[in-house]
Amino acid sequence: MRFAVDRLDHLVITCNDVEIMANWYQRVLGMEMESFGPHNRTSVRFGGQKINLRPKAATQEDWFTGVGCVPGGNDLCFIVTVMADDVVAHLKECGVAIEAGPVEKAGALGTINSVYCRDPDGNLIEISSYGEMR
């Protein structure tokens, strides 16, 4: 039987400090924090997806996860509904340093306008929108 992938449900980020990361994703990207599971794990939700925040000290027995997961080892791109100049203004208001952008990049559905920053662990965060550069 063949199948096709429909969407990404969730991903896991290994964190130095789960609370600091959850607060950053709430404050800067407007995600909702939630606790789940028997071990009261933490995730942040947006749209129909979520990011599970895995503590660096978790063992393979605690979290069934990839090999070599380390804080700061991810590059993530989030699509937003505002233009790049609005993203720049918001990041400045939040005191978040802009690494690059706005700049045109290739997204999954065509050209995106991207602004880059880093979360508290150094993961590269690309905040992008489809549409005209302003």
N, C-alpha and C. Protein backbone atom coordinates (compact mmCIF):
# COMPACT_ATOMS: atom_id res chain seq x y z
N MET A 1 0.85 -1.19 0.00
CA MET A 1 0.00 0.00 0.00
C MET A 1 0.89 1.24 0.00
N ARG A 2 0.61 2.18 -0.86
CA ARG A 2 1.34 3.44 -0.91
C ARG A 2 0.54 4.49 -0.16
N PHE A 3 1.23 5.48 0.35
CA PHE A 3 0.57 6.58 1.04
C PHE A 3 1.32 7.87 0.74
N ALA A 4 0.69 8.97 1.05
CA ALA A 4 1.32 10.29 0.89
C ALA A 4 1.24 11.03 2.22
N VAL A 5 2.26 11.76 2.54
CA VAL A 5 2.26 12.56 3.75
C VAL A 5 1.31 13.73 3.55
N ASP A 6 0.46 13.99 4.53
CA ASP A 6 -0.53 15.05 4.46
C ASP A 6 -0.02 16.36 5.05
N ARG A 7 0.63 16.30 6.22
CA ARG A 7 1.09 17.52 6.89
C ARG A 7 2.03 17.15 8.02
N LEU A 8 2.68 18.13 8.55
CA LEU A 8 3.51 17.96 9.74
C LEU A 8 2.64 18.19 10.96
N ASP A 9 2.59 17.24 11.87
CA ASP A 9 1.77 17.36 13.07
C ASP A 9 2.52 18.09 14.18
N HIS A 10 3.72 17.63 14.49
CA HIS A 10 4.52 18.28 15.53
C HIS A 10 6.00 17.98 15.29
N LEU A 11 6.83 18.77 15.91
CA LEU A 11 8.25 18.49 15.92
C LEU A 11 8.74 18.70 17.34
N VAL A 12 9.95 18.25 17.61
CA VAL A 12 10.51 18.32 18.96
C VAL A 12 11.79 19.14 18.90
N ILE A 13 11.90 20.10 19.82
CA ILE A 13 13.12 20.89 19.97
C ILE A 13 13.71 20.58 21.33
N THR A 14 15.00 20.23 21.36
CA THR A 14 15.71 20.03 22.61
C THR A 14 16.13 21.40 23.14
N CYS A 15 15.87 21.64 24.43
CA CYS A 15 16.06 22.96 25.04
C CYS A 15 16.96 22.91 26.26
N ASN A 16 17.72 23.98 26.46
CA ASN A 16 18.45 24.14 27.71
C ASN A 16 17.49 24.40 28.86
N ASP A 17 16.47 25.23 28.63
CA ASP A 17 15.48 25.57 29.66
C ASP A 17 14.11 25.64 29.00
N VAL A 18 13.27 24.67 29.28
CA VAL A 18 11.94 24.57 28.64
C VAL A 18 11.10 25.80 28.92
N GLU A 19 11.11 26.30 30.14
CA GLU A 19 10.28 27.45 30.50
C GLU A 19 10.70 28.71 29.73
N ILE A 20 12.00 28.95 29.64
CA ILE A 20 12.48 30.11 28.90
C ILE A 20 12.08 30.00 27.43
N MET A 21 12.23 28.81 26.86
CA MET A 21 11.85 28.62 25.45
C MET A 21 10.36 28.81 25.25
N ALA A 22 9.54 28.20 26.10
CA ALA A 22 8.08 28.33 25.96
C ALA A 22 7.67 29.79 26.06
N ASN A 23 8.24 30.51 27.00
CA ASN A 23 7.91 31.93 27.15
C ASN A 23 8.30 32.74 25.92
N TRP A 24 9.47 32.44 25.33
CA TRP A 24 9.92 33.15 24.14
C TRP A 24 8.97 32.90 22.98
N TYR A 25 8.60 31.64 22.74
CA TYR A 25 7.71 31.32 21.63
C TYR A 25 6.32 31.93 21.84
N GLN A 26 5.89 32.06 23.09
CA GLN A 26 4.63 32.74 23.38
C GLN A 26 4.75 34.23 23.10
N ARG A 27 5.76 34.86 23.66
CA ARG A 27 5.92 36.32 23.59
C ARG A 27 6.24 36.79 22.17
N VAL A 28 7.16 36.12 21.48
CA VAL A 28 7.63 36.59 20.19
C VAL A 28 6.77 36.09 19.03
N LEU A 29 6.35 34.82 19.08
CA LEU A 29 5.60 34.25 17.96
C LEU A 29 4.13 34.01 18.25
N GLY A 30 3.67 34.37 19.44
CA GLY A 30 2.25 34.28 19.76
C GLY A 30 1.70 32.88 19.89
N MET A 31 2.56 31.91 20.17
CA MET A 31 2.10 30.52 20.32
C MET A 31 1.49 30.31 21.70
N GLU A 32 0.67 29.28 21.82
CA GLU A 32 0.04 28.93 23.10
C GLU A 32 0.81 27.81 23.76
N MET A 33 1.13 27.96 25.03
CA MET A 33 1.83 26.92 25.77
C MET A 33 0.81 25.95 26.35
N GLU A 34 1.16 24.65 26.36
CA GLU A 34 0.30 23.66 26.98
C GLU A 34 1.17 22.58 27.62
N SER A 35 0.61 21.95 28.63
CA SER A 35 1.24 20.78 29.25
C SER A 35 0.48 19.55 28.77
N PHE A 36 1.20 18.43 28.62
CA PHE A 36 0.53 17.23 28.13
C PHE A 36 1.24 15.99 28.66
N GLY A 37 0.52 14.88 28.60
CA GLY A 37 1.09 13.57 28.92
C GLY A 37 1.27 13.31 30.40
N PRO A 38 1.61 12.07 30.72
CA PRO A 38 1.74 11.66 32.11
C PRO A 38 2.93 12.31 32.83
N HIS A 39 3.90 12.82 32.08
CA HIS A 39 5.07 13.44 32.70
C HIS A 39 5.00 14.97 32.65
N ASN A 40 3.80 15.50 32.36
CA ASN A 40 3.58 16.94 32.32
C ASN A 40 4.58 17.65 31.41
N ARG A 41 4.72 17.16 30.20
CA ARG A 41 5.61 17.75 29.22
C ARG A 41 5.05 19.08 28.72
N THR A 42 5.88 19.87 28.07
CA THR A 42 5.48 21.20 27.60
C THR A 42 5.58 21.28 26.09
N SER A 43 4.58 21.93 25.49
CA SER A 43 4.63 22.21 24.07
C SER A 43 4.10 23.62 23.84
N VAL A 44 4.37 24.13 22.63
CA VAL A 44 3.76 25.38 22.19
C VAL A 44 3.01 25.06 20.91
N ARG A 45 1.78 25.61 20.80
CA ARG A 45 0.89 25.31 19.69
C ARG A 45 0.68 26.53 18.81
N PHE A 46 0.48 26.26 17.52
CA PHE A 46 0.12 27.30 16.55
C PHE A 46 -0.62 26.61 15.43
N GLY A 47 -1.72 27.21 14.97
CA GLY A 47 -2.51 26.57 13.91
C GLY A 47 -2.84 25.15 14.29
N GLY A 48 -2.61 24.22 13.37
CA GLY A 48 -2.86 22.81 13.62
C GLY A 48 -1.61 22.03 13.98
N GLN A 49 -0.55 22.71 14.43
CA GLN A 49 0.70 22.05 14.76
C GLN A 49 1.15 22.41 16.17
N LYS A 50 2.18 21.70 16.61
CA LYS A 50 2.79 22.05 17.89
C LYS A 50 4.27 21.69 17.86
N ILE A 51 4.98 22.32 18.78
CA ILE A 51 6.39 22.02 19.01
C ILE A 51 6.50 21.51 20.44
N ASN A 52 6.97 20.27 20.58
CA ASN A 52 7.23 19.73 21.91
C ASN A 52 8.61 20.22 22.35
N LEU A 53 8.71 20.68 23.58
CA LEU A 53 9.97 21.21 24.11
C LEU A 53 10.59 20.16 25.03
N ARG A 54 11.67 19.56 24.55
CA ARG A 54 12.33 18.47 25.26
C ARG A 54 13.50 19.03 26.07
N PRO A 55 13.53 18.76 27.39
CA PRO A 55 14.67 19.24 28.19
C PRO A 55 15.96 18.52 27.79
N LYS A 56 17.05 19.26 27.74
CA LYS A 56 18.35 18.71 27.36
C LYS A 56 18.72 17.50 28.22
N ALA A 57 18.34 17.52 29.48
CA ALA A 57 18.70 16.45 30.41
C ALA A 57 17.85 15.19 30.26
N ALA A 58 16.82 15.22 29.43
CA ALA A 58 15.96 14.04 29.26
C ALA A 58 16.77 12.89 28.66
N THR A 59 16.50 11.71 29.15
CA THR A 59 17.19 10.53 28.63
C THR A 59 16.39 9.93 27.48
N GLN A 60 17.02 9.04 26.74
CA GLN A 60 16.34 8.36 25.63
C GLN A 60 15.14 7.57 26.16
N GLU A 61 15.22 7.10 27.39
CA GLU A 61 14.09 6.37 27.98
C GLU A 61 12.93 7.31 28.29
N ASP A 62 13.24 8.57 28.64
CA ASP A 62 12.20 9.56 28.94
C ASP A 62 11.51 10.04 27.65
N TRP A 63 12.29 10.24 26.61
CA TRP A 63 11.80 10.77 25.34
C TRP A 63 12.34 9.89 24.24
N PHE A 64 11.47 9.27 23.49
CA PHE A 64 11.87 8.51 22.31
C PHE A 64 12.15 9.54 21.24
N THR A 65 13.41 9.76 20.91
CA THR A 65 13.76 10.88 20.05
C THR A 65 14.96 10.56 19.18
N GLY A 66 15.32 11.50 18.34
CA GLY A 66 16.45 11.33 17.44
C GLY A 66 17.78 11.25 18.18
N VAL A 67 18.78 10.76 17.48
CA VAL A 67 20.11 10.64 18.04
C VAL A 67 20.82 11.99 17.90
N GLY A 68 21.56 12.39 18.92
CA GLY A 68 22.36 13.60 18.83
C GLY A 68 21.59 14.89 18.91
N CYS A 69 20.43 14.90 19.56
CA CYS A 69 19.63 16.13 19.68
C CYS A 69 20.32 17.07 20.67
N VAL A 70 20.57 18.29 20.22
CA VAL A 70 21.22 19.28 21.07
C VAL A 70 20.49 20.62 20.96
N PRO A 71 20.50 21.41 22.01
CA PRO A 71 19.90 22.73 21.93
C PRO A 71 20.57 23.56 20.84
N GLY A 72 19.77 24.30 20.09
CA GLY A 72 20.29 25.21 19.08
C GLY A 72 20.59 24.58 17.74
N GLY A 73 20.22 23.33 17.54
CA GLY A 73 20.56 22.64 16.31
C GLY A 73 19.48 22.63 15.25
N ASN A 74 18.50 23.54 15.35
CA ASN A 74 17.38 23.53 14.41
C ASN A 74 17.30 24.82 13.60
N ASP A 75 16.82 24.70 12.37
CA ASP A 75 16.47 25.83 11.53
C ASP A 75 14.98 25.66 11.22
N LEU A 76 14.16 26.62 11.64
CA LEU A 76 12.71 26.51 11.49
C LEU A 76 12.19 27.72 10.73
N CYS A 77 11.23 27.49 9.85
CA CYS A 77 10.60 28.57 9.10
C CYS A 77 9.10 28.58 9.42
N PHE A 78 8.62 29.73 9.88
CA PHE A 78 7.21 29.91 10.21
C PHE A 78 6.60 30.91 9.23
N ILE A 79 5.46 30.56 8.66
CA ILE A 79 4.74 31.47 7.77
C ILE A 79 3.76 32.29 8.61
N VAL A 80 3.81 33.60 8.42
CA VAL A 80 2.92 34.51 9.15
C VAL A 80 2.02 35.24 8.15
N THR A 81 1.04 35.94 8.67
CA THR A 81 0.05 36.60 7.82
C THR A 81 0.28 38.10 7.69
N VAL A 82 1.45 38.57 8.10
CA VAL A 82 1.80 39.98 7.95
C VAL A 82 3.05 40.08 7.08
N MET A 83 3.33 41.27 6.59
CA MET A 83 4.49 41.49 5.73
C MET A 83 5.77 41.59 6.56
N ALA A 84 6.89 41.48 5.86
CA ALA A 84 8.19 41.44 6.51
C ALA A 84 8.47 42.69 7.35
N ASP A 85 8.05 43.88 6.90
CA ASP A 85 8.32 45.08 7.69
C ASP A 85 7.58 45.05 9.02
N ASP A 86 6.41 44.41 9.06
CA ASP A 86 5.68 44.26 10.32
C ASP A 86 6.41 43.28 11.25
N VAL A 87 7.00 42.25 10.68
CA VAL A 87 7.80 41.29 11.46
C VAL A 87 8.99 42.01 12.06
N VAL A 88 9.69 42.80 11.26
CA VAL A 88 10.85 43.56 11.76
C VAL A 88 10.44 44.45 12.93
N ALA A 89 9.36 45.18 12.78
CA ALA A 89 8.89 46.07 13.84
C ALA A 89 8.56 45.29 15.10
N HIS A 90 7.89 44.16 14.96
CA HIS A 90 7.51 43.35 16.12
C HIS A 90 8.76 42.80 16.83
N LEU A 91 9.70 42.28 16.07
CA LEU A 91 10.92 41.75 16.68
C LEU A 91 11.67 42.84 17.44
N LYS A 92 11.73 44.04 16.86
CA LYS A 92 12.39 45.15 17.55
C LYS A 92 11.66 45.49 18.85
N GLU A 93 10.32 45.51 18.81
CA GLU A 93 9.53 45.76 20.02
C GLU A 93 9.80 44.72 21.10
N CYS A 94 10.03 43.48 20.68
CA CYS A 94 10.30 42.39 21.62
C CYS A 94 11.76 42.34 22.06
N GLY A 95 12.61 43.19 21.50
CA GLY A 95 14.02 43.19 21.84
C GLY A 95 14.78 42.02 21.26
N VAL A 96 14.28 41.48 20.15
CA VAL A 96 14.91 40.34 19.49
C VAL A 96 15.80 40.83 18.36
N ALA A 97 17.06 40.43 18.38
CA ALA A 97 18.01 40.84 17.34
C ALA A 97 17.66 40.17 16.01
N ILE A 98 17.72 40.94 14.95
CA ILE A 98 17.47 40.42 13.60
C ILE A 98 18.80 39.99 13.01
N GLU A 99 18.87 38.73 12.59
CA GLU A 99 20.09 38.18 12.01
C GLU A 99 20.23 38.55 10.54
N ALA A 100 19.12 38.57 9.81
CA ALA A 100 19.13 38.90 8.38
C ALA A 100 17.71 39.22 7.94
N GLY A 101 17.62 39.97 6.84
CA GLY A 101 16.32 40.23 6.24
C GLY A 101 15.81 41.62 6.53
N PRO A 102 14.71 41.90 5.84
CA PRO A 102 13.93 41.04 4.96
C PRO A 102 14.71 40.68 3.68
N VAL A 103 14.49 39.45 3.24
CA VAL A 103 15.14 38.93 2.06
C VAL A 103 14.22 37.92 1.39
N GLU A 104 14.25 37.86 0.05
CA GLU A 104 13.45 36.87 -0.67
C GLU A 104 14.12 35.51 -0.61
N LYS A 105 13.31 34.48 -0.37
CA LYS A 105 13.79 33.09 -0.32
C LYS A 105 12.79 32.21 -1.05
N ALA A 106 13.15 30.96 -1.23
CA ALA A 106 12.26 29.99 -1.87
C ALA A 106 11.52 29.21 -0.78
N GLY A 107 10.21 29.35 -0.74
CA GLY A 107 9.38 28.60 0.19
C GLY A 107 8.77 27.39 -0.49
N ALA A 108 8.01 26.62 0.25
CA ALA A 108 7.39 25.41 -0.28
C ALA A 108 6.39 25.70 -1.39
N LEU A 109 5.75 26.88 -1.35
CA LEU A 109 4.72 27.23 -2.33
C LEU A 109 5.13 28.37 -3.25
N GLY A 110 6.39 28.77 -3.20
CA GLY A 110 6.86 29.86 -4.04
C GLY A 110 7.77 30.79 -3.26
N THR A 111 7.88 32.02 -3.74
CA THR A 111 8.77 33.00 -3.12
C THR A 111 8.18 33.49 -1.79
N ILE A 112 9.04 33.52 -0.78
CA ILE A 112 8.66 34.06 0.53
C ILE A 112 9.59 35.21 0.87
N ASN A 113 9.10 36.08 1.72
CA ASN A 113 9.88 37.21 2.23
C ASN A 113 10.20 36.90 3.68
N SER A 114 11.49 36.79 3.99
CA SER A 114 11.91 36.23 5.28
C SER A 114 12.71 37.21 6.11
N VAL A 115 12.50 37.10 7.42
CA VAL A 115 13.29 37.79 8.43
C VAL A 115 13.82 36.71 9.36
N TYR A 116 15.10 36.77 9.68
CA TYR A 116 15.74 35.75 10.50
C TYR A 116 16.11 36.29 11.87
N CYS A 117 15.89 35.46 12.89
CA CYS A 117 16.33 35.76 14.25
C CYS A 117 16.70 34.43 14.91
N ARG A 118 17.04 34.47 16.18
CA ARG A 118 17.36 33.25 16.91
C ARG A 118 16.55 33.19 18.19
N ASP A 119 16.15 31.97 18.57
CA ASP A 119 15.46 31.79 19.85
C ASP A 119 16.51 31.74 20.96
N PRO A 120 16.11 31.61 22.22
CA PRO A 120 17.08 31.67 23.32
C PRO A 120 18.19 30.62 23.26
N ASP A 121 17.97 29.48 22.61
CA ASP A 121 19.01 28.46 22.50
C ASP A 121 19.84 28.60 21.23
N GLY A 122 19.52 29.56 20.38
CA GLY A 122 20.29 29.78 19.16
C GLY A 122 19.74 29.10 17.92
N ASN A 123 18.58 28.45 18.02
CA ASN A 123 17.96 27.90 16.81
C ASN A 123 17.69 29.05 15.85
N LEU A 124 17.92 28.82 14.56
CA LEU A 124 17.66 29.84 13.56
C LEU A 124 16.17 29.85 13.25
N ILE A 125 15.53 30.97 13.45
CA ILE A 125 14.09 31.12 13.24
C ILE A 125 13.87 32.04 12.05
N GLU A 126 13.22 31.52 11.03
CA GLU A 126 12.89 32.28 9.83
C GLU A 126 11.40 32.58 9.89
N ILE A 127 11.06 33.87 9.88
CA ILE A 127 9.66 34.30 9.94
C ILE A 127 9.34 34.87 8.57
N SER A 128 8.39 34.25 7.87
CA SER A 128 8.20 34.54 6.45
C SER A 128 6.75 34.75 6.08
N SER A 129 6.57 35.43 4.95
CA SER A 129 5.23 35.58 4.39
C SER A 129 5.31 35.48 2.88
N TYR A 130 4.21 35.02 2.31
CA TYR A 130 4.06 34.99 0.85
C TYR A 130 3.47 36.34 0.47
N GLY A 131 3.93 36.92 -0.60
CA GLY A 131 3.39 38.20 -1.04
C GLY A 131 4.50 39.15 -1.39
N GLU A 132 4.10 40.38 -1.66
CA GLU A 132 5.03 41.43 -2.10
C GLU A 132 5.97 41.85 -0.99
N MET A 133 7.20 42.18 -1.36
CA MET A 133 8.15 42.79 -0.43
C MET A 133 7.73 44.24 -0.23
N ARG A 134 7.78 44.72 1.01
CA ARG A 134 7.52 46.14 1.27
C ARG A 134 8.67 46.69 2.07
